[in-house]
């Protein structure tokens, strides 16, 4: 049932985006939806939704702020804003991983395995 809903959203959403916007946004929608499907294969639905919600929220802040700064001042200010956002993403990556329990558990498991392998 989940696969039917997934493919229905992919096809109907792509068709709707094509009629509302254009081909390029339709391709972007299909690409993002397929990437979400790959995430669903690896994570549970709640973890995948949490991860993609964060990705879309962060991209909206980063690109929206960049557009506002580019219109108000210049493209250089927008570039600085995006660079600062990327640096903040790297600085807070451990806090972000804790938002998704499965990623946090996988990271801790990897640390334990590395410690145990060093003992042997």
N, C-alpha and C. Protein backbone atom coordinates (compact mmCIF):
# COMPACT_ATOMS: atom_id res chain seq x y z
N UNK A 1 0.82 -1.19 0.00
CA UNK A 1 0.00 0.00 0.00
C UNK A 1 0.87 1.26 0.00
N UNK A 2 1.98 1.21 0.77
CA UNK A 2 2.86 2.37 0.82
C UNK A 2 3.50 2.64 -0.54
N UNK A 3 3.83 1.58 -1.27
CA UNK A 3 4.43 1.76 -2.59
C UNK A 3 3.45 2.38 -3.57
N UNK A 4 2.20 1.98 -3.48
CA UNK A 4 1.18 2.53 -4.38
C UNK A 4 1.02 4.03 -4.10
N UNK A 5 0.95 4.40 -2.83
CA UNK A 5 0.83 5.82 -2.47
C UNK A 5 2.06 6.59 -2.91
N UNK A 6 3.22 6.01 -2.72
CA UNK A 6 4.46 6.67 -3.12
C UNK A 6 4.46 6.96 -4.62
N UNK A 7 4.16 5.95 -5.44
CA UNK A 7 4.17 6.14 -6.90
C UNK A 7 3.04 7.04 -7.36
N UNK A 8 1.91 7.00 -6.67
CA UNK A 8 0.80 7.89 -7.01
C UNK A 8 1.18 9.35 -6.77
N UNK A 9 1.83 9.61 -5.65
CA UNK A 9 2.29 10.97 -5.38
C UNK A 9 3.35 11.38 -6.39
N UNK A 10 4.24 10.48 -6.75
CA UNK A 10 5.28 10.80 -7.73
C UNK A 10 4.66 11.19 -9.07
N UNK A 11 3.75 10.39 -9.57
CA UNK A 11 3.17 10.66 -10.88
C UNK A 11 2.21 11.85 -10.84
N UNK A 12 1.29 11.85 -9.88
CA UNK A 12 0.31 12.94 -9.80
C UNK A 12 0.99 14.26 -9.44
N UNK A 13 1.95 14.21 -8.55
CA UNK A 13 2.67 15.43 -8.18
C UNK A 13 3.49 15.97 -9.33
N UNK A 14 4.15 15.09 -10.08
CA UNK A 14 4.91 15.53 -11.24
C UNK A 14 4.00 16.14 -12.30
N UNK A 15 2.85 15.54 -12.52
CA UNK A 15 1.88 16.06 -13.49
C UNK A 15 1.36 17.42 -13.04
N UNK A 16 1.04 17.55 -11.76
CA UNK A 16 0.53 18.81 -11.22
C UNK A 16 1.58 19.91 -11.28
N UNK A 17 2.80 19.61 -10.90
CA UNK A 17 3.88 20.60 -10.96
C UNK A 17 4.14 21.01 -12.41
N UNK A 18 4.06 20.09 -13.33
CA UNK A 18 4.26 20.42 -14.74
C UNK A 18 3.21 21.41 -15.23
N UNK A 19 1.96 21.21 -14.82
CA UNK A 19 0.91 22.10 -15.27
C UNK A 19 0.92 23.44 -14.54
N UNK A 20 1.38 23.47 -13.31
CA UNK A 20 1.45 24.73 -12.57
C UNK A 20 2.68 25.52 -12.98
N UNK A 21 3.81 24.87 -13.09
CA UNK A 21 5.07 25.58 -13.36
C UNK A 21 5.60 25.20 -14.73
N UNK A 22 6.72 24.51 -14.77
CA UNK A 22 7.31 24.13 -16.04
C UNK A 22 8.05 22.82 -15.90
N UNK A 23 8.74 22.43 -16.95
CA UNK A 23 9.42 21.13 -17.00
C UNK A 23 10.54 21.06 -15.96
N UNK A 24 11.27 22.15 -15.78
CA UNK A 24 12.41 22.12 -14.87
C UNK A 24 11.99 21.90 -13.43
N UNK A 25 10.90 22.53 -13.00
CA UNK A 25 10.42 22.28 -11.65
C UNK A 25 9.84 20.88 -11.51
N UNK A 26 9.26 20.36 -12.59
CA UNK A 26 8.77 18.98 -12.55
C UNK A 26 9.93 18.01 -12.35
N UNK A 27 11.03 18.24 -13.06
CA UNK A 27 12.20 17.37 -12.90
C UNK A 27 12.79 17.50 -11.50
N UNK A 28 12.78 18.72 -10.96
CA UNK A 28 13.27 18.91 -9.59
C UNK A 28 12.38 18.16 -8.60
N UNK A 29 11.06 18.24 -8.79
CA UNK A 29 10.14 17.53 -7.92
C UNK A 29 10.36 16.03 -7.99
N UNK A 30 10.49 15.50 -9.18
CA UNK A 30 10.70 14.06 -9.35
C UNK A 30 12.02 13.64 -8.73
N UNK A 31 13.07 14.44 -8.91
CA UNK A 31 14.36 14.12 -8.32
C UNK A 31 14.32 14.12 -6.80
N UNK A 32 13.68 15.13 -6.22
CA UNK A 32 13.56 15.17 -4.76
C UNK A 32 12.70 14.02 -4.24
N UNK A 33 11.64 13.70 -4.95
CA UNK A 33 10.78 12.61 -4.50
C UNK A 33 11.47 11.26 -4.60
N UNK A 34 12.26 11.04 -5.64
CA UNK A 34 13.02 9.79 -5.74
C UNK A 34 14.09 9.72 -4.65
N UNK A 35 14.73 10.85 -4.34
CA UNK A 35 15.70 10.86 -3.24
C UNK A 35 15.02 10.56 -1.91
N UNK A 36 13.81 11.07 -1.73
CA UNK A 36 13.06 10.75 -0.52
C UNK A 36 12.73 9.26 -0.48
N UNK A 37 12.44 8.67 -1.63
CA UNK A 37 12.18 7.23 -1.68
C UNK A 37 13.39 6.41 -1.29
N UNK A 38 14.56 6.84 -1.73
CA UNK A 38 15.79 6.13 -1.33
C UNK A 38 16.01 6.27 0.18
N UNK A 39 15.70 7.43 0.72
CA UNK A 39 15.81 7.63 2.16
C UNK A 39 14.83 6.72 2.89
N UNK A 40 13.64 6.55 2.33
CA UNK A 40 12.66 5.66 2.95
C UNK A 40 13.13 4.20 2.96
N UNK A 41 13.92 3.82 1.98
CA UNK A 41 14.45 2.46 1.98
C UNK A 41 15.42 2.23 3.12
N UNK A 42 16.14 3.28 3.51
CA UNK A 42 17.17 3.15 4.54
C UNK A 42 16.67 3.46 5.95
N UNK A 43 15.69 4.35 6.08
CA UNK A 43 15.21 4.79 7.39
C UNK A 43 13.71 4.52 7.52
N UNK A 44 13.22 4.61 8.74
CA UNK A 44 11.79 4.52 8.98
C UNK A 44 11.12 5.79 8.47
N UNK A 45 9.82 5.72 8.31
CA UNK A 45 9.07 6.86 7.75
C UNK A 45 9.23 8.10 8.62
N UNK A 46 9.13 7.96 9.93
CA UNK A 46 9.23 9.15 10.80
C UNK A 46 10.63 9.76 10.73
N UNK A 47 11.67 8.92 10.68
CA UNK A 47 13.04 9.44 10.57
C UNK A 47 13.28 10.10 9.21
N UNK A 48 12.74 9.49 8.15
CA UNK A 48 12.90 10.06 6.82
C UNK A 48 12.19 11.40 6.71
N UNK A 49 10.99 11.49 7.27
CA UNK A 49 10.26 12.76 7.25
C UNK A 49 10.99 13.82 8.07
N UNK A 50 11.54 13.44 9.19
CA UNK A 50 12.29 14.38 10.03
C UNK A 50 13.53 14.87 9.29
N UNK A 51 14.24 13.96 8.64
CA UNK A 51 15.44 14.34 7.90
C UNK A 51 15.11 15.27 6.74
N UNK A 52 14.12 14.91 5.93
CA UNK A 52 13.77 15.74 4.78
C UNK A 52 13.11 17.05 5.19
N UNK A 53 12.39 17.04 6.31
CA UNK A 53 11.84 18.30 6.82
C UNK A 53 12.96 19.25 7.19
N UNK A 54 13.99 18.73 7.83
CA UNK A 54 15.13 19.58 8.17
C UNK A 54 15.84 20.07 6.92
N UNK A 55 16.03 19.20 5.94
CA UNK A 55 16.71 19.59 4.71
C UNK A 55 15.96 20.71 4.00
N UNK A 56 14.66 20.56 3.86
CA UNK A 56 13.86 21.58 3.16
C UNK A 56 13.84 22.88 3.96
N UNK A 57 13.70 22.79 5.29
CA UNK A 57 13.70 23.99 6.12
C UNK A 57 15.04 24.72 6.02
N UNK A 58 16.14 23.98 6.10
CA UNK A 58 17.46 24.61 6.05
C UNK A 58 17.73 25.23 4.68
N UNK A 59 17.33 24.54 3.63
CA UNK A 59 17.52 25.10 2.29
C UNK A 59 16.67 26.35 2.09
N UNK A 60 15.46 26.37 2.65
CA UNK A 60 14.62 27.56 2.54
C UNK A 60 15.25 28.75 3.26
N UNK A 61 15.80 28.52 4.44
CA UNK A 61 16.47 29.59 5.18
C UNK A 61 17.71 30.05 4.42
N UNK A 62 18.50 29.12 3.95
CA UNK A 62 19.75 29.47 3.28
C UNK A 62 19.49 30.20 1.95
N UNK A 63 18.66 29.63 1.11
CA UNK A 63 18.42 30.25 -0.20
C UNK A 63 17.52 31.47 -0.10
N UNK A 64 16.53 31.43 0.79
CA UNK A 64 15.66 32.60 0.97
C UNK A 64 16.43 33.79 1.50
N UNK A 65 17.29 33.54 2.49
CA UNK A 65 18.13 34.62 3.00
C UNK A 65 19.09 35.13 1.95
N UNK A 66 19.59 34.22 1.12
CA UNK A 66 20.49 34.63 0.05
C UNK A 66 19.80 35.53 -0.97
N UNK A 67 18.56 35.19 -1.31
CA UNK A 67 17.81 36.01 -2.26
C UNK A 67 17.52 37.39 -1.68
N UNK A 68 17.12 37.43 -0.41
CA UNK A 68 16.84 38.72 0.23
C UNK A 68 18.09 39.58 0.28
N UNK A 69 19.21 38.99 0.65
CA UNK A 69 20.47 39.76 0.71
C UNK A 69 20.92 40.20 -0.68
N UNK A 70 20.72 39.35 -1.69
CA UNK A 70 21.13 39.72 -3.05
C UNK A 70 20.29 40.88 -3.57
N UNK A 71 19.02 40.91 -3.25
CA UNK A 71 18.17 42.01 -3.70
C UNK A 71 18.45 43.30 -2.95
N UNK A 72 18.73 43.18 -1.65
CA UNK A 72 18.93 44.37 -0.84
C UNK A 72 20.33 44.96 -1.03
N UNK A 73 21.37 44.09 -1.03
CA UNK A 73 22.73 44.59 -1.15
C UNK A 73 23.39 44.11 -2.44
N UNK A 74 23.92 42.91 -2.44
CA UNK A 74 24.59 42.44 -3.65
C UNK A 74 24.69 40.91 -3.61
N UNK A 75 25.15 40.35 -4.72
CA UNK A 75 25.33 38.91 -4.78
C UNK A 75 26.47 38.45 -3.87
N UNK A 76 27.42 39.31 -3.64
CA UNK A 76 28.53 38.97 -2.75
C UNK A 76 28.01 38.73 -1.33
N UNK A 77 27.08 39.58 -0.88
CA UNK A 77 26.49 39.40 0.46
C UNK A 77 25.72 38.09 0.53
N UNK A 78 25.05 37.75 -0.56
CA UNK A 78 24.33 36.47 -0.60
C UNK A 78 25.31 35.30 -0.54
N UNK A 79 26.43 35.41 -1.24
CA UNK A 79 27.46 34.37 -1.19
C UNK A 79 28.04 34.20 0.20
N UNK A 80 28.26 35.31 0.89
CA UNK A 80 28.75 35.25 2.27
C UNK A 80 27.72 34.58 3.16
N UNK A 81 26.45 34.93 2.99
CA UNK A 81 25.37 34.31 3.77
C UNK A 81 25.35 32.79 3.56
N UNK A 82 25.42 32.35 2.33
CA UNK A 82 25.39 30.91 2.05
C UNK A 82 26.63 30.22 2.61
N UNK A 83 27.78 30.87 2.51
CA UNK A 83 29.00 30.31 3.08
C UNK A 83 28.87 30.17 4.60
N UNK A 84 28.32 31.17 5.27
CA UNK A 84 28.12 31.10 6.72
C UNK A 84 27.15 29.97 7.07
N UNK A 85 26.09 29.82 6.28
CA UNK A 85 25.12 28.73 6.53
C UNK A 85 25.76 27.36 6.39
N UNK A 86 26.62 27.20 5.40
CA UNK A 86 27.31 25.92 5.21
C UNK A 86 28.26 25.64 6.36
N UNK A 87 28.99 26.67 6.81
CA UNK A 87 29.89 26.50 7.96
C UNK A 87 29.09 26.12 9.20
N UNK A 88 27.95 26.77 9.44
CA UNK A 88 27.12 26.43 10.59
C UNK A 88 26.59 25.00 10.51
N UNK A 89 26.31 24.55 9.31
CA UNK A 89 25.87 23.17 9.13
C UNK A 89 26.95 22.19 9.56
N UNK A 90 28.20 22.47 9.20
CA UNK A 90 29.30 21.60 9.62
C UNK A 90 29.55 21.68 11.12
N UNK A 91 29.40 22.88 11.69
CA UNK A 91 29.65 23.05 13.13
C UNK A 91 28.61 22.29 13.95
N UNK A 92 27.35 22.34 13.53
CA UNK A 92 26.28 21.73 14.31
C UNK A 92 25.84 20.37 13.78
N UNK A 93 26.68 19.69 13.03
CA UNK A 93 26.26 18.41 12.44
C UNK A 93 25.97 17.35 13.49
N UNK A 94 26.67 17.36 14.62
CA UNK A 94 26.39 16.36 15.66
C UNK A 94 25.03 16.61 16.30
N UNK A 95 24.66 17.87 16.49
CA UNK A 95 23.33 18.19 17.04
C UNK A 95 22.24 17.79 16.04
N UNK A 96 22.53 17.96 14.77
CA UNK A 96 21.55 17.61 13.74
C UNK A 96 21.35 16.09 13.69
N UNK A 97 22.43 15.35 13.85
CA UNK A 97 22.32 13.88 13.83
C UNK A 97 21.48 13.37 14.98
N UNK A 98 21.47 14.10 16.08
CA UNK A 98 20.66 13.67 17.23
C UNK A 98 19.17 13.87 16.99
N UNK A 99 18.82 14.69 16.01
CA UNK A 99 17.41 14.87 15.68
C UNK A 99 16.82 13.60 15.06
N UNK A 100 17.67 12.82 14.41
CA UNK A 100 17.22 11.59 13.76
C UNK A 100 17.81 10.42 14.53
N UNK A 101 17.01 9.74 15.34
CA UNK A 101 17.54 8.70 16.23
C UNK A 101 18.31 7.59 15.50
N UNK A 102 17.86 7.20 14.32
CA UNK A 102 18.52 6.10 13.61
C UNK A 102 19.93 6.48 13.21
N UNK A 103 20.14 7.72 12.77
CA UNK A 103 21.48 8.16 12.41
C UNK A 103 22.38 8.23 13.64
N UNK A 104 21.82 8.67 14.76
CA UNK A 104 22.58 8.77 16.01
C UNK A 104 22.99 7.38 16.49
N UNK A 105 22.07 6.43 16.40
CA UNK A 105 22.38 5.06 16.83
C UNK A 105 23.45 4.46 15.92
N UNK A 106 23.35 4.69 14.62
CA UNK A 106 24.35 4.16 13.68
C UNK A 106 25.72 4.74 13.95
N UNK A 107 25.79 6.02 14.28
CA UNK A 107 27.07 6.65 14.58
C UNK A 107 27.68 6.07 15.85
N UNK A 108 26.87 5.88 16.89
CA UNK A 108 27.37 5.30 18.14
C UNK A 108 27.83 3.86 17.93
N UNK A 109 27.10 3.10 17.13
CA UNK A 109 27.48 1.73 16.83
C UNK A 109 28.83 1.69 16.12
N UNK A 110 29.04 2.61 15.18
CA UNK A 110 30.31 2.67 14.46
C UNK A 110 31.47 3.01 15.41
N UNK A 111 31.24 3.92 16.35
CA UNK A 111 32.27 4.25 17.34
C UNK A 111 32.63 3.05 18.20
N UNK A 112 31.63 2.28 18.62
CA UNK A 112 31.87 1.11 19.46
C UNK A 112 32.67 0.06 18.68
N UNK A 113 32.31 -0.14 17.42
CA UNK A 113 33.02 -1.11 16.59
C UNK A 113 34.48 -0.70 16.41
N UNK A 114 34.74 0.57 16.20
CA UNK A 114 36.12 1.04 16.03
C UNK A 114 36.92 0.84 17.31
N UNK A 115 36.31 1.10 18.47
CA UNK A 115 37.00 0.89 19.74
C UNK A 115 37.32 -0.58 19.95
N UNK A 116 36.37 -1.45 19.66
CA UNK A 116 36.58 -2.90 19.86
C UNK A 116 37.62 -3.43 18.87
N UNK A 117 37.65 -2.90 17.66
CA UNK A 117 38.62 -3.39 16.69
C UNK A 117 40.03 -2.95 17.04
N UNK A 118 40.18 -1.84 17.72
CA UNK A 118 41.50 -1.38 18.15
C UNK A 118 42.07 -2.28 19.24
N UNK A 119 41.18 -2.87 20.07
CA UNK A 119 41.63 -3.74 21.15
C UNK A 119 42.25 -5.03 20.61
N UNK A 120 41.76 -5.50 19.47
CA UNK A 120 42.28 -6.75 18.92
C UNK A 120 43.48 -6.47 18.14
